[in-house]
Amino acid sequence: MREATVQRTTKETDITVTLGLEGSGSADVETGVGFFDHMLDAFGRHGLFDLRVRACGDLKVDAHHTVEDTGIVLGAALREALGDRAGITRFGSMTLPMDEALVLAAVDISGRGQLHWDVPLPSCMLGTFDVGLAKEFFIAFAANAGITLHVRLLAGENAHHIVEACFKAVARALAAAVSMDPRCEGRIPSTKGAI
């Protein structure tokens, strides 16, 4: 089983994430930020990852540190769970509709952590979640996972629908990228021989 547990403690947050790549979509998330919990739950369920997140952060300030640091820890857990990456499909993409919103996500498990984000969002709060934190989460996640991640809004108006479509699209694209390709016979899918 490709699974990892990562803990990170700072003066601002204390976060533990367990991620299982061959899961059933079981998500157990507690961050203290309701909308963010909903997004991580959707990420686990739609990626068919088993995901457990416990985050305690300085919410008296705002949700920024909790959301960003959870991205760091989830990315580190993904990197660890992937191991040497032998036999993975490596690439995945998904164009996902959610009502009027349509989001494209594409993933390359490249070893080069970077986010390319083209998701214009209105400045607003979804509960205690500032929608601008969605980008911050994915920056931290991609950088620490060592993946190249593109997320692009193709259509949409409602901030809730757009952000939720982003999390679901990334989860589906990532599920495809981490899946094992039996034709690879344990080889690393790179002309370099390493990722």
N, C-alpha and C. Protein backbone atom coordinates (compact mmCIF):
# COMPACT_ATOMS: atom_id res chain seq x y z
N MET A 1 0.85 -1.20 0.00
CA MET A 1 0.00 0.00 0.00
C MET A 1 0.88 1.25 0.00
N ARG A 2 0.59 2.15 -0.89
CA ARG A 2 1.30 3.43 -0.93
C ARG A 2 0.58 4.39 0.00
N GLU A 3 1.17 4.59 1.15
CA GLU A 3 0.56 5.42 2.19
C GLU A 3 1.64 6.14 2.95
N ALA A 4 1.32 7.32 3.46
CA ALA A 4 2.29 8.07 4.27
C ALA A 4 1.55 8.90 5.30
N THR A 5 2.20 9.08 6.44
CA THR A 5 1.74 10.00 7.47
C THR A 5 2.84 11.02 7.70
N VAL A 6 2.47 12.29 7.64
CA VAL A 6 3.42 13.38 7.83
C VAL A 6 2.86 14.34 8.87
N GLN A 7 3.72 14.77 9.78
CA GLN A 7 3.32 15.76 10.79
C GLN A 7 4.25 16.95 10.67
N ARG A 8 3.69 18.13 10.86
CA ARG A 8 4.48 19.37 10.84
C ARG A 8 3.95 20.27 11.94
N THR A 9 4.85 20.73 12.80
CA THR A 9 4.47 21.61 13.90
C THR A 9 5.31 22.88 13.83
N THR A 10 4.63 24.03 13.84
CA THR A 10 5.30 25.32 13.90
C THR A 10 4.65 26.13 15.02
N LYS A 11 5.07 27.37 15.17
CA LYS A 11 4.43 28.24 16.16
C LYS A 11 3.02 28.64 15.74
N GLU A 12 2.69 28.41 14.47
CA GLU A 12 1.37 28.80 13.95
C GLU A 12 0.41 27.64 13.77
N THR A 13 0.95 26.45 13.48
CA THR A 13 0.08 25.31 13.20
C THR A 13 0.68 24.00 13.70
N ASP A 14 -0.21 23.03 13.89
CA ASP A 14 0.19 21.66 14.20
C ASP A 14 -0.69 20.77 13.34
N ILE A 15 -0.09 20.12 12.35
CA ILE A 15 -0.86 19.42 11.32
C ILE A 15 -0.33 18.02 11.12
N THR A 16 -1.24 17.05 11.07
CA THR A 16 -0.90 15.67 10.74
C THR A 16 -1.82 15.21 9.61
N VAL A 17 -1.21 14.65 8.57
CA VAL A 17 -1.96 14.14 7.42
C VAL A 17 -1.55 12.71 7.17
N THR A 18 -2.53 11.84 6.98
CA THR A 18 -2.30 10.48 6.49
C THR A 18 -2.99 10.36 5.14
N LEU A 19 -2.25 9.94 4.14
CA LEU A 19 -2.77 9.82 2.78
C LEU A 19 -2.48 8.42 2.26
N GLY A 20 -3.54 7.73 1.83
CA GLY A 20 -3.41 6.43 1.19
C GLY A 20 -3.85 6.53 -0.25
N LEU A 21 -2.96 6.17 -1.18
CA LEU A 21 -3.26 6.33 -2.60
C LEU A 21 -4.18 5.24 -3.14
N GLU A 22 -4.12 4.04 -2.57
CA GLU A 22 -5.02 2.97 -3.00
C GLU A 22 -6.19 2.90 -2.04
N GLY A 23 -6.94 3.97 -1.96
CA GLY A 23 -8.02 4.04 -0.99
C GLY A 23 -9.38 3.83 -1.62
N SER A 24 -10.38 4.15 -0.83
CA SER A 24 -11.77 4.03 -1.28
C SER A 24 -12.48 5.38 -1.24
N GLY A 25 -11.73 6.44 -0.93
CA GLY A 25 -12.34 7.76 -0.83
C GLY A 25 -12.82 8.08 0.56
N SER A 26 -12.27 7.41 1.55
CA SER A 26 -12.64 7.67 2.94
C SER A 26 -11.91 8.91 3.43
N ALA A 27 -12.66 9.93 3.82
CA ALA A 27 -12.05 11.18 4.27
C ALA A 27 -12.51 11.50 5.69
N ASP A 28 -11.56 11.87 6.52
CA ASP A 28 -11.81 12.23 7.91
C ASP A 28 -10.98 13.48 8.18
N VAL A 29 -11.63 14.65 8.11
CA VAL A 29 -10.92 15.92 8.08
C VAL A 29 -11.43 16.85 9.17
N GLU A 30 -10.49 17.41 9.93
CA GLU A 30 -10.81 18.44 10.93
C GLU A 30 -9.73 19.49 10.91
N THR A 31 -10.07 20.68 10.38
CA THR A 31 -9.11 21.79 10.34
C THR A 31 -9.58 23.00 11.12
N GLY A 32 -10.84 23.03 11.51
CA GLY A 32 -11.40 24.21 12.15
C GLY A 32 -11.92 25.23 11.16
N VAL A 33 -11.77 24.96 9.86
CA VAL A 33 -12.26 25.85 8.80
C VAL A 33 -13.27 25.05 7.99
N GLY A 34 -14.54 25.31 8.22
CA GLY A 34 -15.62 24.47 7.68
C GLY A 34 -15.57 24.26 6.18
N PHE A 35 -15.44 25.33 5.42
CA PHE A 35 -15.44 25.19 3.96
C PHE A 35 -14.21 24.41 3.50
N PHE A 36 -13.07 24.64 4.14
CA PHE A 36 -11.84 23.92 3.79
C PHE A 36 -11.99 22.43 4.10
N ASP A 37 -12.63 22.10 5.21
CA ASP A 37 -12.92 20.69 5.51
C ASP A 37 -13.73 20.07 4.38
N HIS A 38 -14.72 20.81 3.92
CA HIS A 38 -15.58 20.35 2.82
C HIS A 38 -14.75 20.10 1.55
N MET A 39 -13.79 20.98 1.27
CA MET A 39 -12.95 20.83 0.07
C MET A 39 -12.02 19.63 0.19
N LEU A 40 -11.42 19.45 1.36
CA LEU A 40 -10.52 18.30 1.55
C LEU A 40 -11.29 16.99 1.53
N ASP A 41 -12.50 17.00 2.06
CA ASP A 41 -13.37 15.83 2.00
C ASP A 41 -13.65 15.47 0.53
N ALA A 42 -13.98 16.50 -0.27
CA ALA A 42 -14.23 16.28 -1.70
C ALA A 42 -12.97 15.77 -2.40
N PHE A 43 -11.81 16.31 -2.02
CA PHE A 43 -10.54 15.88 -2.61
C PHE A 43 -10.31 14.39 -2.36
N GLY A 44 -10.50 13.95 -1.12
CA GLY A 44 -10.31 12.54 -0.79
C GLY A 44 -11.31 11.65 -1.51
N ARG A 45 -12.56 12.04 -1.45
CA ARG A 45 -13.62 11.20 -2.03
C ARG A 45 -13.50 11.08 -3.54
N HIS A 46 -13.24 12.19 -4.22
CA HIS A 46 -13.21 12.16 -5.69
C HIS A 46 -11.88 11.64 -6.25
N GLY A 47 -10.82 11.69 -5.44
CA GLY A 47 -9.57 11.08 -5.86
C GLY A 47 -9.47 9.62 -5.46
N LEU A 48 -10.46 9.14 -4.71
CA LEU A 48 -10.46 7.80 -4.13
C LEU A 48 -9.21 7.58 -3.28
N PHE A 49 -8.82 8.64 -2.58
CA PHE A 49 -7.73 8.56 -1.61
C PHE A 49 -8.32 8.37 -0.23
N ASP A 50 -7.65 7.62 0.62
CA ASP A 50 -8.00 7.62 2.03
C ASP A 50 -7.22 8.75 2.68
N LEU A 51 -7.95 9.68 3.26
CA LEU A 51 -7.34 10.91 3.74
C LEU A 51 -7.79 11.21 5.16
N ARG A 52 -6.81 11.42 6.03
CA ARG A 52 -7.10 11.86 7.40
C ARG A 52 -6.28 13.10 7.66
N VAL A 53 -6.95 14.18 8.07
CA VAL A 53 -6.29 15.45 8.33
C VAL A 53 -6.71 15.94 9.70
N ARG A 54 -5.72 16.27 10.51
CA ARG A 54 -5.95 16.94 11.79
C ARG A 54 -5.08 18.19 11.78
N ALA A 55 -5.72 19.34 11.81
CA ALA A 55 -4.99 20.60 11.76
C ALA A 55 -5.48 21.51 12.88
N CYS A 56 -4.55 22.02 13.62
CA CYS A 56 -4.83 23.00 14.66
C CYS A 56 -3.97 24.22 14.35
N GLY A 57 -4.63 25.33 14.06
CA GLY A 57 -3.89 26.52 13.65
C GLY A 57 -4.35 27.76 14.38
N ASP A 58 -3.68 28.85 14.10
CA ASP A 58 -3.98 30.13 14.75
C ASP A 58 -5.18 30.82 14.08
N LEU A 59 -6.33 30.19 14.20
CA LEU A 59 -7.53 30.70 13.54
C LEU A 59 -7.99 32.03 14.13
N LYS A 60 -7.48 32.39 15.29
CA LYS A 60 -7.82 33.70 15.85
C LYS A 60 -7.23 34.82 14.98
N VAL A 61 -6.16 34.49 14.23
CA VAL A 61 -5.59 35.43 13.27
C VAL A 61 -6.44 35.41 12.00
N ASP A 62 -6.42 34.29 11.32
CA ASP A 62 -7.30 33.97 10.19
C ASP A 62 -6.96 32.55 9.76
N ALA A 63 -7.50 32.12 8.63
CA ALA A 63 -7.32 30.73 8.21
C ALA A 63 -6.09 30.51 7.34
N HIS A 64 -5.36 31.58 7.04
CA HIS A 64 -4.26 31.49 6.06
C HIS A 64 -3.23 30.43 6.43
N HIS A 65 -2.68 30.51 7.64
CA HIS A 65 -1.62 29.57 8.02
C HIS A 65 -2.11 28.13 8.02
N THR A 66 -3.33 27.92 8.49
CA THR A 66 -3.88 26.57 8.54
C THR A 66 -4.03 25.99 7.14
N VAL A 67 -4.56 26.77 6.23
CA VAL A 67 -4.80 26.29 4.86
C VAL A 67 -3.47 26.05 4.14
N GLU A 68 -2.58 27.03 4.18
CA GLU A 68 -1.30 26.89 3.49
C GLU A 68 -0.48 25.75 4.05
N ASP A 69 -0.40 25.65 5.38
CA ASP A 69 0.41 24.60 5.99
C ASP A 69 -0.19 23.21 5.75
N THR A 70 -1.50 23.12 5.65
CA THR A 70 -2.11 21.84 5.30
C THR A 70 -1.70 21.44 3.88
N GLY A 71 -1.61 22.42 2.98
CA GLY A 71 -1.11 22.14 1.64
C GLY A 71 0.31 21.62 1.66
N ILE A 72 1.15 22.20 2.51
CA ILE A 72 2.53 21.74 2.66
C ILE A 72 2.57 20.29 3.11
N VAL A 73 1.80 19.97 4.14
CA VAL A 73 1.86 18.63 4.72
C VAL A 73 1.21 17.60 3.80
N LEU A 74 0.10 17.95 3.16
CA LEU A 74 -0.53 17.02 2.21
C LEU A 74 0.39 16.77 1.03
N GLY A 75 1.07 17.80 0.54
CA GLY A 75 2.02 17.62 -0.55
C GLY A 75 3.17 16.71 -0.15
N ALA A 76 3.69 16.91 1.07
CA ALA A 76 4.78 16.06 1.56
C ALA A 76 4.33 14.61 1.70
N ALA A 77 3.09 14.42 2.14
CA ALA A 77 2.55 13.06 2.27
C ALA A 77 2.42 12.39 0.90
N LEU A 78 1.98 13.15 -0.09
CA LEU A 78 1.88 12.59 -1.44
C LEU A 78 3.27 12.20 -1.95
N ARG A 79 4.23 13.07 -1.79
CA ARG A 79 5.59 12.78 -2.24
C ARG A 79 6.12 11.49 -1.59
N GLU A 80 5.90 11.36 -0.29
CA GLU A 80 6.38 10.17 0.43
C GLU A 80 5.62 8.92 0.01
N ALA A 81 4.30 9.03 -0.14
CA ALA A 81 3.49 7.87 -0.52
C ALA A 81 3.84 7.35 -1.91
N LEU A 82 4.30 8.22 -2.79
CA LEU A 82 4.64 7.82 -4.16
C LEU A 82 5.92 6.99 -4.21
N GLY A 83 6.75 7.09 -3.20
CA GLY A 83 8.00 6.31 -3.20
C GLY A 83 8.87 6.67 -4.38
N ASP A 84 9.40 5.65 -5.08
CA ASP A 84 10.31 5.92 -6.21
C ASP A 84 9.57 6.21 -7.51
N ARG A 85 8.24 6.17 -7.48
CA ARG A 85 7.37 6.48 -8.63
C ARG A 85 7.41 5.44 -9.74
N ALA A 86 8.05 4.33 -9.49
CA ALA A 86 8.13 3.28 -10.50
C ALA A 86 6.74 2.75 -10.82
N GLY A 87 6.42 2.68 -12.10
CA GLY A 87 5.18 2.10 -12.55
C GLY A 87 3.98 3.02 -12.59
N ILE A 88 4.15 4.28 -12.18
CA ILE A 88 2.99 5.18 -12.18
C ILE A 88 2.67 5.65 -13.59
N THR A 89 1.44 6.09 -13.78
CA THR A 89 1.02 6.65 -15.06
C THR A 89 1.69 7.99 -15.31
N ARG A 90 1.92 8.76 -14.28
CA ARG A 90 2.61 10.04 -14.23
C ARG A 90 1.75 11.23 -14.61
N PHE A 91 0.98 11.15 -15.69
CA PHE A 91 0.18 12.29 -16.15
C PHE A 91 -1.29 12.02 -15.92
N GLY A 92 -2.04 13.08 -15.66
CA GLY A 92 -3.48 12.96 -15.54
C GLY A 92 -4.13 14.31 -15.75
N SER A 93 -5.33 14.29 -16.29
CA SER A 93 -6.07 15.54 -16.46
C SER A 93 -7.56 15.29 -16.32
N MET A 94 -8.27 16.36 -16.00
CA MET A 94 -9.72 16.27 -15.83
C MET A 94 -10.32 17.63 -16.13
N THR A 95 -11.35 17.63 -16.94
CA THR A 95 -12.20 18.81 -17.11
C THR A 95 -13.48 18.51 -16.38
N LEU A 96 -13.75 19.27 -15.31
CA LEU A 96 -14.83 18.92 -14.40
C LEU A 96 -15.88 20.02 -14.33
N PRO A 97 -17.14 19.68 -14.58
CA PRO A 97 -18.21 20.65 -14.44
C PRO A 97 -18.83 20.60 -13.05
N MET A 98 -19.20 21.75 -12.54
CA MET A 98 -20.02 21.83 -11.34
C MET A 98 -21.00 22.97 -11.55
N ASP A 99 -22.21 22.60 -11.91
CA ASP A 99 -23.22 23.58 -12.28
C ASP A 99 -22.67 24.48 -13.39
N GLU A 100 -22.59 25.78 -13.18
CA GLU A 100 -22.12 26.68 -14.25
C GLU A 100 -20.60 26.72 -14.36
N ALA A 101 -19.91 26.18 -13.36
CA ALA A 101 -18.45 26.22 -13.34
C ALA A 101 -17.87 25.05 -14.13
N LEU A 102 -16.77 25.34 -14.81
CA LEU A 102 -16.06 24.32 -15.57
C LEU A 102 -14.56 24.56 -15.36
N VAL A 103 -13.88 23.56 -14.80
CA VAL A 103 -12.47 23.71 -14.43
C VAL A 103 -11.65 22.59 -15.07
N LEU A 104 -10.50 22.97 -15.61
CA LEU A 104 -9.53 22.03 -16.14
C LEU A 104 -8.37 21.91 -15.15
N ALA A 105 -8.01 20.68 -14.81
CA ALA A 105 -6.82 20.43 -14.00
C ALA A 105 -5.96 19.41 -14.73
N ALA A 106 -4.65 19.65 -14.75
CA ALA A 106 -3.71 18.72 -15.38
C ALA A 106 -2.51 18.57 -14.47
N VAL A 107 -2.06 17.32 -14.30
CA VAL A 107 -0.99 16.99 -13.36
C VAL A 107 0.11 16.23 -14.09
N ASP A 108 1.35 16.60 -13.77
CA ASP A 108 2.52 15.82 -14.17
C ASP A 108 3.32 15.56 -12.89
N ILE A 109 3.50 14.31 -12.53
CA ILE A 109 4.32 13.98 -11.37
C ILE A 109 5.76 14.05 -11.85
N SER A 110 6.26 15.27 -11.89
CA SER A 110 7.49 15.61 -12.59
C SER A 110 8.71 15.69 -11.68
N GLY A 111 8.48 15.82 -10.37
CA GLY A 111 9.58 16.10 -9.46
C GLY A 111 9.90 17.58 -9.38
N ARG A 112 9.23 18.38 -10.20
CA ARG A 112 9.45 19.83 -10.23
C ARG A 112 8.17 20.49 -9.73
N GLY A 113 8.14 20.85 -8.48
CA GLY A 113 6.92 21.38 -7.88
C GLY A 113 6.60 22.78 -8.36
N GLN A 114 5.47 22.91 -9.05
CA GLN A 114 5.05 24.23 -9.52
C GLN A 114 3.56 24.24 -9.80
N LEU A 115 2.96 25.40 -9.59
CA LEU A 115 1.54 25.60 -9.88
C LEU A 115 1.40 26.65 -10.96
N HIS A 116 0.54 26.36 -11.93
CA HIS A 116 0.15 27.33 -12.95
C HIS A 116 -1.35 27.52 -12.81
N TRP A 117 -1.75 28.67 -12.31
CA TRP A 117 -3.12 28.93 -11.85
C TRP A 117 -3.75 30.03 -12.69
N ASP A 118 -4.82 29.72 -13.37
CA ASP A 118 -5.57 30.72 -14.13
C ASP A 118 -7.04 30.59 -13.73
N VAL A 119 -7.31 31.01 -12.50
CA VAL A 119 -8.65 30.88 -11.93
C VAL A 119 -9.05 32.23 -11.32
N PRO A 120 -9.60 33.11 -12.15
CA PRO A 120 -10.05 34.39 -11.59
C PRO A 120 -11.25 34.16 -10.66
N LEU A 121 -11.12 34.67 -9.44
CA LEU A 121 -12.17 34.47 -8.44
C LEU A 121 -12.59 35.82 -7.88
N PRO A 122 -13.87 35.97 -7.58
CA PRO A 122 -14.28 37.20 -6.88
C PRO A 122 -13.68 37.20 -5.48
N SER A 123 -13.39 38.37 -4.97
CA SER A 123 -12.88 38.48 -3.60
C SER A 123 -14.05 38.35 -2.64
N CYS A 124 -14.09 37.20 -1.94
CA CYS A 124 -15.20 36.98 -1.01
C CYS A 124 -14.81 35.91 0.00
N MET A 125 -15.65 35.76 0.99
CA MET A 125 -15.47 34.73 2.02
C MET A 125 -16.51 33.64 1.82
N LEU A 126 -16.08 32.40 2.00
CA LEU A 126 -17.00 31.26 2.03
C LEU A 126 -16.92 30.72 3.45
N GLY A 127 -17.82 31.19 4.29
CA GLY A 127 -17.71 30.95 5.72
C GLY A 127 -16.50 31.71 6.23
N THR A 128 -15.53 31.00 6.82
CA THR A 128 -14.29 31.64 7.30
C THR A 128 -13.14 31.42 6.33
N PHE A 129 -13.45 30.98 5.13
CA PHE A 129 -12.45 30.67 4.10
C PHE A 129 -12.43 31.79 3.07
N ASP A 130 -11.34 32.54 3.02
CA ASP A 130 -11.13 33.56 1.99
C ASP A 130 -10.81 32.81 0.69
N VAL A 131 -11.56 33.07 -0.38
CA VAL A 131 -11.38 32.29 -1.61
C VAL A 131 -9.96 32.40 -2.17
N GLY A 132 -9.24 33.47 -1.85
CA GLY A 132 -7.86 33.60 -2.28
C GLY A 132 -6.95 32.52 -1.71
N LEU A 133 -7.40 31.86 -0.63
CA LEU A 133 -6.60 30.80 -0.02
C LEU A 133 -6.56 29.53 -0.87
N ALA A 134 -7.49 29.39 -1.80
CA ALA A 134 -7.45 28.21 -2.67
C ALA A 134 -6.14 28.16 -3.43
N LYS A 135 -5.73 29.28 -4.01
CA LYS A 135 -4.45 29.33 -4.74
C LYS A 135 -3.29 29.06 -3.79
N GLU A 136 -3.31 29.64 -2.60
CA GLU A 136 -2.23 29.43 -1.63
C GLU A 136 -2.10 27.95 -1.26
N PHE A 137 -3.23 27.29 -1.10
CA PHE A 137 -3.21 25.85 -0.80
C PHE A 137 -2.53 25.07 -1.93
N PHE A 138 -2.94 25.34 -3.16
CA PHE A 138 -2.41 24.56 -4.28
C PHE A 138 -0.94 24.89 -4.57
N ILE A 139 -0.50 26.13 -4.31
CA ILE A 139 0.92 26.46 -4.43
C ILE A 139 1.72 25.57 -3.48
N ALA A 140 1.30 25.55 -2.21
CA ALA A 140 2.02 24.78 -1.19
C ALA A 140 1.96 23.28 -1.50
N PHE A 141 0.80 22.81 -1.93
CA PHE A 141 0.63 21.40 -2.24
C PHE A 141 1.54 20.97 -3.39
N ALA A 142 1.51 21.70 -4.51
CA ALA A 142 2.30 21.33 -5.68
C ALA A 142 3.80 21.39 -5.38
N ALA A 143 4.23 22.44 -4.68
CA ALA A 143 5.65 22.60 -4.38
C ALA A 143 6.17 21.46 -3.52
N ASN A 144 5.40 21.06 -2.53
CA ASN A 144 5.87 20.04 -1.59
C ASN A 144 5.65 18.62 -2.10
N ALA A 145 4.70 18.44 -3.01
CA ALA A 145 4.50 17.13 -3.63
C ALA A 145 5.50 16.88 -4.75
N GLY A 146 6.07 17.95 -5.31
CA GLY A 146 6.97 17.80 -6.45
C GLY A 146 6.21 17.49 -7.72
N ILE A 147 5.06 18.15 -7.89
CA ILE A 147 4.25 17.93 -9.09
C ILE A 147 4.11 19.25 -9.85
N THR A 148 3.92 19.13 -11.15
CA THR A 148 3.53 20.27 -11.96
C THR A 148 2.01 20.22 -12.05
N LEU A 149 1.37 21.31 -11.66
CA LEU A 149 -0.09 21.34 -11.58
C LEU A 149 -0.61 22.57 -12.31
N HIS A 150 -1.46 22.34 -13.29
CA HIS A 150 -2.16 23.41 -13.99
C HIS A 150 -3.63 23.37 -13.57
N VAL A 151 -4.17 24.52 -13.21
CA VAL A 151 -5.60 24.62 -12.90
C VAL A 151 -6.13 25.85 -13.64
N ARG A 152 -7.15 25.65 -14.44
CA ARG A 152 -7.67 26.74 -15.27
C ARG A 152 -9.20 26.76 -15.22
N LEU A 153 -9.75 27.94 -15.01
CA LEU A 153 -11.20 28.13 -15.04
C LEU A 153 -11.63 28.37 -16.48
N LEU A 154 -12.51 27.51 -16.97
CA LEU A 154 -13.03 27.64 -18.33
C LEU A 154 -14.35 28.38 -18.36
N ALA A 155 -15.14 28.26 -17.28
CA ALA A 155 -16.41 28.98 -17.16
C ALA A 155 -16.81 28.97 -15.69
N GLY A 156 -17.57 29.97 -15.29
CA GLY A 156 -18.06 29.96 -13.93
C GLY A 156 -18.26 31.35 -13.36
N GLU A 157 -19.18 31.44 -12.41
CA GLU A 157 -19.50 32.71 -11.75
C GLU A 157 -19.53 32.57 -10.24
N ASN A 158 -20.04 31.45 -9.74
CA ASN A 158 -20.24 31.26 -8.32
C ASN A 158 -18.94 30.78 -7.67
N ALA A 159 -18.44 31.54 -6.69
CA ALA A 159 -17.14 31.22 -6.07
C ALA A 159 -17.13 29.84 -5.43
N HIS A 160 -18.21 29.47 -4.77
CA HIS A 160 -18.28 28.14 -4.14
C HIS A 160 -18.12 27.05 -5.19
N HIS A 161 -18.87 27.18 -6.28
CA HIS A 161 -18.80 26.17 -7.34
C HIS A 161 -17.41 26.11 -7.98
N ILE A 162 -16.80 27.28 -8.20
CA ILE A 162 -15.49 27.32 -8.85
C ILE A 162 -14.44 26.64 -7.98
N VAL A 163 -14.37 27.02 -6.70
CA VAL A 163 -13.36 26.45 -5.81
C VAL A 163 -13.58 24.95 -5.64
N GLU A 164 -14.82 24.55 -5.47
CA GLU A 164 -15.10 23.13 -5.30
C GLU A 164 -14.73 22.35 -6.56
N ALA A 165 -15.02 22.92 -7.72
CA ALA A 165 -14.65 22.25 -8.98
C ALA A 165 -13.13 22.13 -9.09
N CYS A 166 -12.39 23.11 -8.59
CA CYS A 166 -10.92 23.03 -8.60
C CYS A 166 -10.44 21.85 -7.77
N PHE A 167 -10.94 21.71 -6.55
CA PHE A 167 -10.50 20.61 -5.69
C PHE A 167 -10.87 19.26 -6.29
N LYS A 168 -12.06 19.15 -6.83
CA LYS A 168 -12.49 17.87 -7.40
C LYS A 168 -11.71 17.54 -8.68
N ALA A 169 -11.48 18.54 -9.52
CA ALA A 169 -10.75 18.31 -10.77
C ALA A 169 -9.31 17.89 -10.48
N VAL A 170 -8.67 18.56 -9.52
CA VAL A 170 -7.30 18.20 -9.17
C VAL A 170 -7.26 16.78 -8.61
N ALA A 171 -8.23 16.44 -7.78
CA ALA A 171 -8.27 15.08 -7.21
C ALA A 171 -8.39 14.03 -8.30
N ARG A 172 -9.28 14.26 -9.25
CA ARG A 172 -9.47 13.29 -10.33
C ARG A 172 -8.24 13.18 -11.23
N ALA A 173 -7.63 14.32 -11.55
CA ALA A 173 -6.43 14.30 -12.37
C ALA A 173 -5.28 13.60 -11.64
N LEU A 174 -5.17 13.86 -10.35
CA LEU A 174 -4.12 13.25 -9.56
C LEU A 174 -4.33 11.74 -9.42
N ALA A 175 -5.58 11.33 -9.27
CA ALA A 175 -5.87 9.90 -9.18
C ALA A 175 -5.39 9.17 -10.43
N ALA A 176 -5.60 9.79 -11.58
CA ALA A 176 -5.12 9.18 -12.83
C ALA A 176 -3.59 9.14 -12.87
N ALA A 177 -2.95 10.23 -12.44
CA ALA A 177 -1.49 10.32 -12.53
C ALA A 177 -0.79 9.35 -11.59
N VAL A 178 -1.35 9.11 -10.40
CA VAL A 178 -0.68 8.21 -9.43
C VAL A 178 -1.02 6.75 -9.67
N SER A 179 -1.99 6.48 -10.55
CA SER A 179 -2.39 5.10 -10.78
C SER A 179 -1.24 4.31 -11.39
N MET A 180 -1.23 3.03 -11.08
CA MET A 180 -0.18 2.15 -11.59
C MET A 180 -0.54 1.68 -12.99
N ASP A 181 0.43 1.76 -13.90
CA ASP A 181 0.25 1.32 -15.27
C ASP A 181 0.95 -0.04 -15.41
N PRO A 182 0.19 -1.13 -15.57
CA PRO A 182 0.81 -2.45 -15.61
C PRO A 182 1.78 -2.61 -16.78
N ARG A 183 1.64 -1.80 -17.81
CA ARG A 183 2.55 -1.89 -18.96
C ARG A 183 3.94 -1.36 -18.63
N CYS A 184 4.05 -0.55 -17.56
CA CYS A 184 5.36 0.01 -17.18
C CYS A 184 6.24 -1.02 -16.49
N GLU A 185 5.65 -2.09 -15.98
CA GLU A 185 6.39 -3.17 -15.32
C GLU A 185 7.43 -2.64 -14.33
N GLY A 186 7.00 -1.67 -13.51
CA GLY A 186 7.89 -1.16 -12.47
C GLY A 186 8.93 -0.16 -12.92
N ARG A 187 8.87 0.24 -14.19
CA ARG A 187 9.82 1.24 -14.68
C ARG A 187 9.36 2.65 -14.29
N ILE A 188 10.32 3.53 -14.16
CA ILE A 188 10.00 4.94 -13.90
C ILE A 188 9.68 5.61 -15.23
N PRO A 189 8.51 6.27 -15.32
CA PRO A 189 8.07 6.82 -16.61
C PRO A 189 8.78 8.13 -16.96
N SER A 190 10.05 8.03 -17.27
CA SER A 190 10.84 9.19 -17.64
C SER A 190 12.02 8.73 -18.47
N THR A 191 12.36 9.50 -19.51
CA THR A 191 13.54 9.18 -20.32
C THR A 191 14.83 9.35 -19.49
N LYS A 192 14.74 10.10 -18.39
CA LYS A 192 15.89 10.29 -17.52
C LYS A 192 16.16 9.07 -16.63
N GLY A 193 15.12 8.25 -16.45
CA GLY A 193 15.23 7.12 -15.54
C GLY A 193 14.99 7.47 -14.09
N ALA A 194 14.61 8.72 -13.85
CA ALA A 194 14.33 9.18 -12.49
C ALA A 194 13.36 10.35 -12.56
N ILE A 195 12.55 10.49 -11.51
CA ILE A 195 11.65 11.65 -11.40
C ILE A 195 12.02 12.38 -10.13
